């Protein structure tokens, strides 16, 4: 696979997560809405990582790390509209810090923290809207990429 195909794969997964969020909202599964918001952003960033850095993304869930690697790369600095980037950079970084909190770990040290991971409908819907906004903004720095369809 070339970098466009790999990027398209990650964007497909991000889109699938976003579609799943709509279903979870209808079912009132707020914790999972928050979790999939983080996953959708992570996968968007991993697609961008493949595109701009031209290597496999690291096996990390740290969206802030991915964002800084991508936006600090020479390819991003020369190919992306820097004025457009600077206008929303800080807002996106703030969102990434917030959404990182909702990555759910199944490791024992997270047992004590599970109660703080529960969110209500207001917070879940706010995260969803911010996810849609930020994924669209991040995607605007990529060229038109063919996104494969997930077989039904």
C-alpha atoms as a PDB file:
ATOM      1  CA  UNK A   1       0.000   0.000   0.000  1.00  0.00           C
ATOM      2  CA  UNK A   2       1.188   3.514  -0.711  1.00  0.00           C
ATOM      3  CA  UNK A   3       0.802   6.411   1.710  1.00  0.00           C
ATOM      4  CA  UNK A   4      -2.494   7.583   0.174  1.00  0.00           C
ATOM      5  CA  UNK A   5      -4.038   4.132   0.563  1.00  0.00           C
ATOM      6  CA  UNK A   6      -2.784   3.846   4.144  1.00  0.00           C
ATOM      7  CA  UNK A   7      -4.055   7.311   4.970  1.00  0.00           C
ATOM      8  CA  UNK A   8      -7.431   6.413   3.435  1.00  0.00           C
ATOM      9  CA  UNK A   9      -7.591   3.333   5.664  1.00  0.00           C
ATOM     10  CA  UNK A  10      -7.141   5.433   8.821  1.00  0.00           C
ATOM     11  CA  UNK A  11      -9.698   8.002   7.613  1.00  0.00           C
ATOM     12  CA  UNK A  12     -12.157   5.161   6.957  1.00  0.00           C
ATOM     13  CA  UNK A  13     -11.761   4.008  10.565  1.00  0.00           C
ATOM     14  CA  UNK A  14     -12.204   7.564  11.846  1.00  0.00           C
ATOM     15  CA  UNK A  15     -15.386   7.948   9.783  1.00  0.00           C
ATOM     16  CA  UNK A  16     -16.642   4.584  11.066  1.00  0.00           C
ATOM     17  CA  UNK A  17     -16.081   5.718  14.655  1.00  0.00           C
ATOM     18  CA  UNK A  18     -17.983   8.929  13.970  1.00  0.00           C
ATOM     19  CA  UNK A  19     -20.874   6.954  12.469  1.00  0.00           C
ATOM     20  CA  UNK A  20     -20.884   4.680  15.496  1.00  0.00           C
ATOM     21  CA  UNK A  21     -21.031   7.718  17.787  1.00  0.00           C
ATOM     22  CA  UNK A  22     -24.367   8.681  16.196  1.00  0.00           C
ATOM     23  CA  UNK A  23     -25.749   5.245  17.103  1.00  0.00           C
ATOM     24  CA  UNK A  24     -24.399   5.449  20.655  1.00  0.00           C
ATOM     25  CA  UNK A  25     -25.973   8.878  21.157  1.00  0.00           C
ATOM     26  CA  UNK A  26     -29.365   7.467  20.150  1.00  0.00           C
ATOM     27  CA  UNK A  27     -28.860   4.712  22.733  1.00  0.00           C
ATOM     28  CA  UNK A  28     -27.619   7.039  25.471  1.00  0.00           C
ATOM     29  CA  UNK A  29     -24.267   5.251  25.844  1.00  0.00           C
ATOM     30  CA  UNK A  30     -22.425   8.387  26.922  1.00  0.00           C
ATOM     31  CA  UNK A  31     -19.149   6.855  28.160  1.00  0.00           C
ATOM     32  CA  UNK A  32     -18.618   5.155  24.832  1.00  0.00           C
ATOM     33  CA  UNK A  33     -19.458   8.338  22.940  1.00  0.00           C
ATOM     34  CA  UNK A  34     -16.598  10.050  24.757  1.00  0.00           C
ATOM     35  CA  UNK A  35     -14.267   7.100  24.172  1.00  0.00           C
ATOM     36  CA  UNK A  36     -15.035   6.923  20.444  1.00  0.00           C
ATOM     37  CA  UNK A  37     -14.532  10.671  20.099  1.00  0.00           C
ATOM     38  CA  UNK A  38     -10.958  10.074  21.243  1.00  0.00           C
ATOM     39  CA  UNK A  39     -10.612   7.105  18.874  1.00  0.00           C
ATOM     40  CA  UNK A  40     -11.974   9.057  15.882  1.00  0.00           C
ATOM     41  CA  UNK A  41      -9.465  11.849  16.464  1.00  0.00           C
ATOM     42  CA  UNK A  42      -6.630   9.379  17.042  1.00  0.00           C
ATOM     43  CA  UNK A  43      -7.330   7.597  13.776  1.00  0.00           C
ATOM     44  CA  UNK A  44      -7.608  10.874  11.883  1.00  0.00           C
ATOM     45  CA  UNK A  45      -4.203  11.851  13.234  1.00  0.00           C
ATOM     46  CA  UNK A  46      -2.694   8.463  12.386  1.00  0.00           C
ATOM     47  CA  UNK A  47      -3.847   8.924   8.795  1.00  0.00           C
ATOM     48  CA  UNK A  48      -2.199  12.324   8.749  1.00  0.00           C
ATOM     49  CA  UNK A  49       0.938  10.819  10.284  1.00  0.00           C
ATOM     50  CA  UNK A  50       1.198   8.300   7.434  1.00  0.00           C
ATOM     51  CA  UNK A  51       0.629  11.054   4.887  1.00  0.00           C
ATOM     52  CA  UNK A  52       2.991  13.722   6.227  1.00  0.00           C
ATOM     53  CA  UNK A  53       5.683  11.649   7.935  1.00  0.00           C
ATOM     54  CA  UNK A  54       5.510   8.781   5.429  1.00  0.00           C
ATOM     55  CA  UNK A  55       5.979   6.008   7.943  1.00  0.00           C
ATOM     56  CA  UNK A  56       3.722   3.872  10.094  1.00  0.00           C
ATOM     57  CA  UNK A  57       2.293   5.764  13.054  1.00  0.00           C
ATOM     58  CA  UNK A  58       3.590   4.826  16.479  1.00  0.00           C
ATOM     59  CA  UNK A  59       1.474   2.507  18.595  1.00  0.00           C
ATOM     60  CA  UNK A  60       0.228   5.196  20.920  1.00  0.00           C
ATOM     61  CA  UNK A  61      -3.112   6.639  21.958  1.00  0.00           C
ATOM     62  CA  UNK A  62      -1.531   9.970  22.835  1.00  0.00           C
ATOM     63  CA  UNK A  63      -3.256  12.318  20.399  1.00  0.00           C
ATOM     64  CA  UNK A  64      -1.234  15.302  21.619  1.00  0.00           C
ATOM     65  CA  UNK A  65       2.001  13.492  20.751  1.00  0.00           C
ATOM     66  CA  UNK A  66       0.704  12.581  17.274  1.00  0.00           C
ATOM     67  CA  UNK A  67      -0.501  16.141  16.661  1.00  0.00           C
ATOM     68  CA  UNK A  68       2.839  17.668  17.623  1.00  0.00           C
ATOM     69  CA  UNK A  69       4.824  15.197  15.494  1.00  0.00           C
ATOM     70  CA  UNK A  70       2.629  15.867  12.451  1.00  0.00           C
ATOM     71  CA  UNK A  71       2.433  19.634  12.758  1.00  0.00           C
ATOM     72  CA  UNK A  72       6.135  19.896  13.555  1.00  0.00           C
ATOM     73  CA  UNK A  73       7.162  17.918  10.488  1.00  0.00           C
ATOM     74  CA  UNK A  74       8.820  19.602   7.542  1.00  0.00           C
ATOM     75  CA  UNK A  75       6.185  18.175   5.197  1.00  0.00           C
ATOM     76  CA  UNK A  76       3.314  19.688   7.185  1.00  0.00           C
ATOM     77  CA  UNK A  77       5.054  23.042   7.513  1.00  0.00           C
ATOM     78  CA  UNK A  78       5.650  23.240   3.760  1.00  0.00           C
ATOM     79  CA  UNK A  79       2.399  21.691   2.476  1.00  0.00           C
ATOM     80  CA  UNK A  80      -0.246  22.946   4.916  1.00  0.00           C
ATOM     81  CA  UNK A  81      -1.736  26.434   4.983  1.00  0.00           C
ATOM     82  CA  UNK A  82       0.107  27.786   8.036  1.00  0.00           C
ATOM     83  CA  UNK A  83      -2.133  30.810   8.474  1.00  0.00           C
ATOM     84  CA  UNK A  84      -5.219  28.570   8.619  1.00  0.00           C
ATOM     85  CA  UNK A  85      -3.362  26.252  10.987  1.00  0.00           C
ATOM     86  CA  UNK A  86      -2.365  29.021  13.401  1.00  0.00           C
ATOM     87  CA  UNK A  87      -5.959  30.320  13.593  1.00  0.00           C
ATOM     88  CA  UNK A  88      -7.245  27.139  15.285  1.00  0.00           C
ATOM     89  CA  UNK A  89      -4.094  25.440  16.549  1.00  0.00           C
ATOM     90  CA  UNK A  90      -4.584  26.373  20.210  1.00  0.00           C
ATOM     91  CA  UNK A  91      -8.270  25.410  20.200  1.00  0.00           C
ATOM     92  CA  UNK A  92      -7.413  22.033  18.707  1.00  0.00           C
ATOM     93  CA  UNK A  93      -4.632  21.458  21.242  1.00  0.00           C
ATOM     94  CA  UNK A  94      -7.056  22.257  24.085  1.00  0.00           C
ATOM     95  CA  UNK A  95      -9.595  19.819  22.651  1.00  0.00           C
ATOM     96  CA  UNK A  96      -6.948  17.097  22.307  1.00  0.00           C
ATOM     97  CA  UNK A  97      -6.027  17.524  25.975  1.00  0.00           C
ATOM     98  CA  UNK A  98      -9.690  17.177  26.952  1.00  0.00           C
ATOM     99  CA  UNK A  99     -10.489  14.191  24.745  1.00  0.00           C
ATOM    100  CA  UNK A 100      -7.361  12.300  25.889  1.00  0.00           C
ATOM    101  CA  UNK A 101      -8.986  12.026  29.310  1.00  0.00           C
ATOM    102  CA  UNK A 102     -11.679   9.747  27.870  1.00  0.00           C
ATOM    103  CA  UNK A 103      -9.371   7.114  26.452  1.00  0.00           C
ATOM    104  CA  UNK A 104     -10.463   4.039  28.382  1.00  0.00           C
ATOM    105  CA  UNK A 105      -7.839   1.709  29.642  1.00  0.00           C
ATOM    106  CA  UNK A 106      -8.598  -1.784  30.854  1.00  0.00           C
ATOM    107  CA  UNK A 107      -5.481  -2.014  32.971  1.00  0.00           C
ATOM    108  CA  UNK A 108      -5.872  -2.516  36.744  1.00  0.00           C
ATOM    109  CA  UNK A 109      -4.559   0.927  37.670  1.00  0.00           C
ATOM    110  CA  UNK A 110      -7.623   2.409  35.954  1.00  0.00           C
ATOM    111  CA  UNK A 111     -10.106   0.689  38.318  1.00  0.00           C
ATOM    112  CA  UNK A 112     -10.053   3.566  40.765  1.00  0.00           C
ATOM    113  CA  UNK A 113     -10.572   6.098  37.999  1.00  0.00           C
ATOM    114  CA  UNK A 114     -13.503   4.474  36.190  1.00  0.00           C
ATOM    115  CA  UNK A 115     -16.101   6.519  38.086  1.00  0.00           C
ATOM    116  CA  UNK A 116     -14.597   9.736  36.752  1.00  0.00           C
ATOM    117  CA  UNK A 117     -14.925   8.437  33.189  1.00  0.00           C
ATOM    118  CA  UNK A 118     -18.719   8.475  33.300  1.00  0.00           C
ATOM    119  CA  UNK A 119     -20.175  11.392  31.440  1.00  0.00           C
ATOM    120  CA  UNK A 120     -23.663  12.762  30.981  1.00  0.00           C
ATOM    121  CA  UNK A 121     -25.502  13.514  27.755  1.00  0.00           C
ATOM    122  CA  UNK A 122     -24.510  17.187  27.769  1.00  0.00           C
ATOM    123  CA  UNK A 123     -20.778  16.455  27.941  1.00  0.00           C
ATOM    124  CA  UNK A 124     -21.006  13.589  25.449  1.00  0.00           C
ATOM    125  CA  UNK A 125     -22.845  15.745  22.925  1.00  0.00           C
ATOM    126  CA  UNK A 126     -20.347  18.578  23.426  1.00  0.00           C
ATOM    127  CA  UNK A 127     -17.426  16.187  22.830  1.00  0.00           C
ATOM    128  CA  UNK A 128     -19.191  14.848  19.752  1.00  0.00           C
ATOM    129  CA  UNK A 129     -19.638  18.318  18.253  1.00  0.00           C
ATOM    130  CA  UNK A 130     -16.029  19.261  18.994  1.00  0.00           C
ATOM    131  CA  UNK A 131     -14.861  15.972  17.485  1.00  0.00           C
ATOM    132  CA  UNK A 132     -16.756  16.652  14.263  1.00  0.00           C
ATOM    133  CA  UNK A 133     -15.330  20.177  14.102  1.00  0.00           C
ATOM    134  CA  UNK A 134     -11.744  19.147  14.806  1.00  0.00           C
ATOM    135  CA  UNK A 135     -11.708  16.075  12.566  1.00  0.00           C
ATOM    136  CA  UNK A 136     -13.045  18.199   9.684  1.00  0.00           C
ATOM    137  CA  UNK A 137     -10.453  20.899  10.391  1.00  0.00           C
ATOM    138  CA  UNK A 138      -7.600  18.379  10.553  1.00  0.00           C
ATOM    139  CA  UNK A 139      -8.795  16.670   7.388  1.00  0.00           C
ATOM    140  CA  UNK A 140      -8.775  19.999   5.552  1.00  0.00           C
ATOM    141  CA  UNK A 141      -4.967  19.869   5.599  1.00  0.00           C
ATOM    142  CA  UNK A 142      -4.945  16.703   3.497  1.00  0.00           C
ATOM    143  CA  UNK A 143      -5.485  16.501  -0.247  1.00  0.00           C
ATOM    144  CA  UNK A 144      -8.580  14.735  -1.556  1.00  0.00           C
ATOM    145  CA  UNK A 145      -8.009  11.107  -0.567  1.00  0.00           C
ATOM    146  CA  UNK A 146     -10.103   8.144  -1.625  1.00  0.00           C
ATOM    147  CA  UNK A 147     -11.565   6.585   1.488  1.00  0.00           C
ATOM    148  CA  UNK A 148     -12.432   2.904   1.125  1.00  0.00           C
ATOM    149  CA  UNK A 149     -15.884   1.691   2.072  1.00  0.00           C
ATOM    150  CA  UNK A 150     -16.308  -0.759   4.904  1.00  0.00           C
ATOM    151  CA  UNK A 151     -18.127  -3.818   3.546  1.00  0.00           C
ATOM    152  CA  UNK A 152     -21.603  -4.272   4.997  1.00  0.00           C
END
